[in-house]
Amino acid sequence: MNQLKFLKWTILSFLLVACGQNNDKKGGVKTNGSHWETFSQNGYTIKYPDSWSLNKTGEMGTELVVSSQLTSKNDFF
């Protein structure tokens, strides 16, 4: 149950971030110069910057994990 709750909050967070982005003139969404990738599975779709990594190995019971590279020494996650 906790894993499902975590997945729902993660998806909600990504959706909120995606809604706050500006569209470029070509209709694609850019974030820090990156375009978005799309991942669809089990009835849901997630868009994430192409500079981020997608992990579908199922570690710790997850279906997927999308993460960005560290950008400074102050990054903790």
C-alpha atoms as a PDB file:
ATOM      1  CA  MET A   1       0.000   0.000   0.000  1.00  0.00           C
ATOM      2  CA  ASN A   2       2.818   2.438   0.845  1.00  0.00           C
ATOM      3  CA  GLN A   3       4.472   1.784  -2.520  1.00  0.00           C
ATOM      4  CA  LEU A   4       1.259   2.617  -4.340  1.00  0.00           C
ATOM      5  CA  LYS A   5       0.884   5.815  -2.312  1.00  0.00           C
ATOM      6  CA  PHE A   6       4.527   6.753  -3.122  1.00  0.00           C
ATOM      7  CA  LEU A   7       3.961   6.105  -6.846  1.00  0.00           C
ATOM      8  CA  LYS A   8       0.821   8.253  -6.856  1.00  0.00           C
ATOM      9  CA  TRP A   9       2.638  11.157  -5.171  1.00  0.00           C
ATOM     10  CA  THR A  10       5.575  10.805  -7.559  1.00  0.00           C
ATOM     11  CA  ILE A  11       3.305  10.896 -10.599  1.00  0.00           C
ATOM     12  CA  LEU A  12       1.397  13.869  -9.184  1.00  0.00           C
ATOM     13  CA  SER A  13       4.678  15.726  -8.610  1.00  0.00           C
ATOM     14  CA  PHE A  14       5.794  15.132 -12.193  1.00  0.00           C
ATOM     15  CA  LEU A  15       2.437  16.292 -13.518  1.00  0.00           C
ATOM     16  CA  LEU A  16       2.603  19.505 -11.498  1.00  0.00           C
ATOM     17  CA  VAL A  17       6.108  20.222 -12.778  1.00  0.00           C
ATOM     18  CA  ALA A  18       5.044  19.469 -16.354  1.00  0.00           C
ATOM     19  CA  CYS A  19       2.068  21.838 -16.144  1.00  0.00           C
ATOM     20  CA  GLY A  20       4.326  24.705 -15.086  1.00  0.00           C
ATOM     21  CA  GLN A  21       6.611  24.515 -18.134  1.00  0.00           C
ATOM     22  CA  ASN A  22       6.559  26.891 -21.120  1.00  0.00           C
ATOM     23  CA  ASN A  23       6.100  25.674 -24.688  1.00  0.00           C
ATOM     24  CA  ASP A  24       8.688  26.597 -27.313  1.00  0.00           C
ATOM     25  CA  LYS A  25       7.749  27.829 -30.817  1.00  0.00           C
ATOM     26  CA  LYS A  26       7.820  24.308 -32.277  1.00  0.00           C
ATOM     27  CA  GLY A  27       5.231  23.029 -29.796  1.00  0.00           C
ATOM     28  CA  GLY A  28       7.626  20.874 -27.775  1.00  0.00           C
ATOM     29  CA  VAL A  29       8.211  21.476 -24.089  1.00  0.00           C
ATOM     30  CA  LYS A  30      11.712  22.555 -23.049  1.00  0.00           C
ATOM     31  CA  THR A  31      13.361  22.401 -19.638  1.00  0.00           C
ATOM     32  CA  ASN A  32      16.901  23.736 -19.328  1.00  0.00           C
ATOM     33  CA  GLY A  33      17.333  23.256 -23.089  1.00  0.00           C
ATOM     34  CA  SER A  34      16.041  19.666 -23.010  1.00  0.00           C
ATOM     35  CA  HIS A  35      13.013  18.192 -24.683  1.00  0.00           C
ATOM     36  CA  TRP A  36      10.642  15.775 -22.982  1.00  0.00           C
ATOM     37  CA  GLU A  37      10.600  11.993 -23.393  1.00  0.00           C
ATOM     38  CA  THR A  38       7.360  10.055 -22.969  1.00  0.00           C
ATOM     39  CA  PHE A  39       6.971   6.744 -21.131  1.00  0.00           C
ATOM     40  CA  SER A  40       3.654   4.852 -21.215  1.00  0.00           C
ATOM     41  CA  GLN A  41       2.826   1.676 -19.304  1.00  0.00           C
ATOM     42  CA  ASN A  42      -0.097   0.069 -17.442  1.00  0.00           C
ATOM     43  CA  GLY A  43      -2.583   2.804 -18.335  1.00  0.00           C
ATOM     44  CA  TYR A  44      -0.474   5.855 -17.409  1.00  0.00           C
ATOM     45  CA  THR A  45       1.921   8.170 -19.236  1.00  0.00           C
ATOM     46  CA  ILE A  46       4.813  10.159 -17.795  1.00  0.00           C
ATOM     47  CA  LYS A  47       6.804  12.865 -19.582  1.00  0.00           C
ATOM     48  CA  TYR A  48      10.305  13.648 -18.362  1.00  0.00           C
ATOM     49  CA  PRO A  49      13.285  15.677 -19.681  1.00  0.00           C
ATOM     50  CA  ASP A  50      15.452  13.709 -22.116  1.00  0.00           C
ATOM     51  CA  SER A  51      18.523  14.542 -20.001  1.00  0.00           C
ATOM     52  CA  TRP A  52      17.056  12.524 -17.075  1.00  0.00           C
ATOM     53  CA  SER A  53      17.391   8.762 -16.732  1.00  0.00           C
ATOM     54  CA  LEU A  54      14.570   6.214 -16.658  1.00  0.00           C
ATOM     55  CA  ASN A  55      15.095   3.096 -14.537  1.00  0.00           C
ATOM     56  CA  LYS A  56      12.612   0.251 -15.126  1.00  0.00           C
ATOM     57  CA  THR A  57      14.522  -2.488 -13.231  1.00  0.00           C
ATOM     58  CA  GLY A  58      11.837  -2.792 -10.528  1.00  0.00           C
ATOM     59  CA  GLU A  59      14.242  -2.115  -7.655  1.00  0.00           C
ATOM     60  CA  MET A  60      12.540  -2.005  -4.249  1.00  0.00           C
ATOM     61  CA  GLY A  61       9.170  -2.859  -5.807  1.00  0.00           C
ATOM     62  CA  THR A  62       8.953   0.202  -8.051  1.00  0.00           C
ATOM     63  CA  GLU A  63       7.686   0.104 -11.622  1.00  0.00           C
ATOM     64  CA  LEU A  64       9.992   2.935 -12.630  1.00  0.00           C
ATOM     65  CA  VAL A  65      12.189   5.700 -11.274  1.00  0.00           C
ATOM     66  CA  VAL A  66      12.986   8.891 -13.194  1.00  0.00           C
ATOM     67  CA  SER A  67      15.953  10.870 -11.912  1.00  0.00           C
ATOM     68  CA  SER A  68      18.212  13.748 -12.882  1.00  0.00           C
ATOM     69  CA  GLN A  69      21.958  14.008 -12.543  1.00  0.00           C
ATOM     70  CA  LEU A  70      23.378  15.918  -9.586  1.00  0.00           C
ATOM     71  CA  THR A  71      23.891  19.562 -10.521  1.00  0.00           C
ATOM     72  CA  SER A  72      25.950  20.744  -7.539  1.00  0.00           C
ATOM     73  CA  LYS A  73      27.618  19.573  -4.328  1.00  0.00           C
ATOM     74  CA  ASN A  74      24.510  20.753  -2.457  1.00  0.00           C
ATOM     75  CA  ASP A  75      22.256  18.166  -4.147  1.00  0.00           C
ATOM     76  CA  PHE A  76      21.203  15.529  -1.635  1.00  0.00           C
ATOM     77  CA  PHE A  77      18.894  13.431  -3.825  1.00  0.00           C
END
